Amino acid sequence: MIFSVSNEERDRDLAYRNRANSYIRKPVDFERYKEVLKGVADYWLSLNEPPPF
């Protein structure tokens, strides 16, 4: 997962080419930033099901 301030297409492309499975742009507004972080944590810690090994 990439968490970046960049919204450049080339940066997103590079991230996905390097096997990132998510690219999230950090909001500038602190309240929105906290909401995004909560959503990311909820997804990765509660909703995501890792692949079987």
N, C-alpha and C. Protein backbone atom coordinates (compact mmCIF):
# COMPACT_ATOMS: atom_id res chain seq x y z
N MET A 1 0.84 -1.16 0.00
CA MET A 1 0.00 0.00 0.00
C MET A 1 0.90 1.23 0.00
N ILE A 2 0.55 2.18 -0.83
CA ILE A 2 1.26 3.45 -0.91
C ILE A 2 0.34 4.53 -0.35
N PHE A 3 0.88 5.34 0.55
CA PHE A 3 0.16 6.45 1.14
C PHE A 3 0.99 7.68 0.81
N SER A 4 0.51 8.52 -0.11
CA SER A 4 1.34 9.58 -0.66
C SER A 4 0.59 10.89 -0.80
N VAL A 5 1.34 11.98 -0.83
CA VAL A 5 0.73 13.29 -1.12
C VAL A 5 0.64 13.52 -2.62
N SER A 6 1.30 12.70 -3.40
CA SER A 6 1.33 12.89 -4.85
C SER A 6 0.05 12.39 -5.51
N ASN A 7 -0.44 13.18 -6.44
CA ASN A 7 -1.57 12.77 -7.26
C ASN A 7 -1.14 12.64 -8.72
N GLU A 8 0.16 12.54 -8.94
CA GLU A 8 0.70 12.42 -10.29
C GLU A 8 0.46 11.02 -10.84
N GLU A 9 -0.01 10.96 -12.07
CA GLU A 9 -0.27 9.67 -12.71
C GLU A 9 0.99 8.81 -12.75
N ARG A 10 2.14 9.42 -13.02
CA ARG A 10 3.39 8.65 -13.11
C ARG A 10 3.75 8.00 -11.78
N ASP A 11 3.43 8.68 -10.67
CA ASP A 11 3.72 8.11 -9.34
C ASP A 11 2.80 6.93 -9.05
N ARG A 12 1.53 7.07 -9.39
CA ARG A 12 0.60 5.94 -9.22
C ARG A 12 1.01 4.78 -10.10
N ASP A 13 1.36 5.06 -11.34
CA ASP A 13 1.78 4.02 -12.27
C ASP A 13 3.01 3.28 -11.73
N LEU A 14 3.99 4.03 -11.26
CA LEU A 14 5.20 3.43 -10.71
C LEU A 14 4.89 2.54 -9.50
N ALA A 15 4.01 3.02 -8.65
CA ALA A 15 3.64 2.24 -7.47
C ALA A 15 3.02 0.90 -7.88
N TYR A 16 2.06 0.95 -8.80
CA TYR A 16 1.41 -0.29 -9.22
C TYR A 16 2.35 -1.20 -10.01
N ARG A 17 3.24 -0.62 -10.78
CA ARG A 17 4.22 -1.43 -11.50
C ARG A 17 5.17 -2.15 -10.53
N ASN A 18 5.35 -1.56 -9.35
CA ASN A 18 6.21 -2.16 -8.34
C ASN A 18 5.41 -3.00 -7.34
N ARG A 19 4.23 -3.41 -7.76
CA ARG A 19 3.40 -4.37 -7.04
C ARG A 19 2.65 -3.83 -5.84
N ALA A 20 2.48 -2.52 -5.76
CA ALA A 20 1.60 -1.98 -4.72
C ALA A 20 0.19 -2.48 -5.02
N ASN A 21 -0.59 -2.72 -4.00
CA ASN A 21 -1.96 -3.15 -4.26
C ASN A 21 -2.97 -2.05 -3.91
N SER A 22 -2.45 -0.90 -3.52
CA SER A 22 -3.32 0.23 -3.23
C SER A 22 -2.50 1.52 -3.27
N TYR A 23 -3.11 2.59 -3.72
CA TYR A 23 -2.46 3.91 -3.74
C TYR A 23 -3.47 4.89 -3.18
N ILE A 24 -3.16 5.46 -2.03
CA ILE A 24 -4.07 6.38 -1.36
C ILE A 24 -3.38 7.73 -1.22
N ARG A 25 -4.08 8.76 -1.64
CA ARG A 25 -3.52 10.10 -1.53
C ARG A 25 -3.89 10.70 -0.19
N LYS A 26 -2.91 11.23 0.50
CA LYS A 26 -3.12 11.84 1.82
C LYS A 26 -3.86 13.17 1.65
N PRO A 27 -4.96 13.33 2.37
CA PRO A 27 -5.65 14.62 2.34
C PRO A 27 -4.84 15.69 3.08
N VAL A 28 -5.03 16.94 2.70
CA VAL A 28 -4.35 18.05 3.35
C VAL A 28 -5.07 18.41 4.65
N ASP A 29 -6.38 18.36 4.64
CA ASP A 29 -7.18 18.69 5.81
C ASP A 29 -7.01 17.61 6.89
N PHE A 30 -6.66 18.03 8.11
CA PHE A 30 -6.34 17.07 9.17
C PHE A 30 -7.53 16.19 9.55
N GLU A 31 -8.73 16.75 9.60
CA GLU A 31 -9.91 15.94 9.95
C GLU A 31 -10.16 14.87 8.88
N ARG A 32 -10.03 15.26 7.63
CA ARG A 32 -10.20 14.29 6.53
C ARG A 32 -9.08 13.25 6.57
N TYR A 33 -7.88 13.67 6.91
CA TYR A 33 -6.73 12.76 7.04
C TYR A 33 -7.04 11.67 8.07
N LYS A 34 -7.59 12.08 9.22
CA LYS A 34 -7.94 11.11 10.26
C LYS A 34 -9.01 10.13 9.76
N GLU A 35 -10.00 10.63 9.00
CA GLU A 35 -11.04 9.77 8.45
C GLU A 35 -10.45 8.74 7.49
N VAL A 36 -9.54 9.19 6.64
CA VAL A 36 -8.90 8.30 5.68
C VAL A 36 -8.09 7.23 6.41
N LEU A 37 -7.33 7.64 7.41
CA LEU A 37 -6.54 6.67 8.18
C LEU A 37 -7.43 5.65 8.86
N LYS A 38 -8.56 6.08 9.41
CA LYS A 38 -9.49 5.15 10.04
C LYS A 38 -10.03 4.16 9.01
N GLY A 39 -10.37 4.66 7.83
CA GLY A 39 -10.87 3.78 6.78
C GLY A 39 -9.83 2.77 6.34
N VAL A 40 -8.59 3.21 6.22
CA VAL A 40 -7.50 2.30 5.84
C VAL A 40 -7.31 1.23 6.92
N ALA A 41 -7.29 1.66 8.17
CA ALA A 41 -7.11 0.71 9.27
C ALA A 41 -8.28 -0.27 9.32
N ASP A 42 -9.50 0.22 9.17
CA ASP A 42 -10.67 -0.67 9.17
C ASP A 42 -10.55 -1.71 8.07
N TYR A 43 -10.16 -1.26 6.89
CA TYR A 43 -10.03 -2.19 5.77
C TYR A 43 -8.97 -3.25 6.05
N TRP A 44 -7.74 -2.83 6.34
CA TRP A 44 -6.63 -3.77 6.49
C TRP A 44 -6.74 -4.65 7.72
N LEU A 45 -7.32 -4.13 8.79
CA LEU A 45 -7.37 -4.89 10.03
C LEU A 45 -8.67 -5.66 10.23
N SER A 46 -9.73 -5.27 9.52
CA SER A 46 -11.03 -5.91 9.73
C SER A 46 -11.61 -6.59 8.49
N LEU A 47 -11.49 -5.94 7.35
CA LEU A 47 -12.18 -6.43 6.15
C LEU A 47 -11.30 -7.27 5.23
N ASN A 48 -10.04 -6.93 5.14
CA ASN A 48 -9.15 -7.61 4.22
C ASN A 48 -8.94 -9.08 4.64
N GLU A 49 -8.99 -9.95 3.66
CA GLU A 49 -8.70 -11.36 3.89
C GLU A 49 -7.42 -11.69 3.14
N PRO A 50 -6.34 -11.96 3.87
CA PRO A 50 -5.07 -12.26 3.20
C PRO A 50 -5.13 -13.58 2.43
N PRO A 51 -4.27 -13.72 1.44
CA PRO A 51 -4.28 -14.97 0.68
C PRO A 51 -3.80 -16.14 1.54
N PRO A 52 -4.30 -17.34 1.26
CA PRO A 52 -3.83 -18.50 2.00
C PRO A 52 -2.40 -18.84 1.55
N PHE A 53 -1.60 -19.29 2.48
CA PHE A 53 -0.21 -19.65 2.16
C PHE A 53 0.00 -21.12 2.36
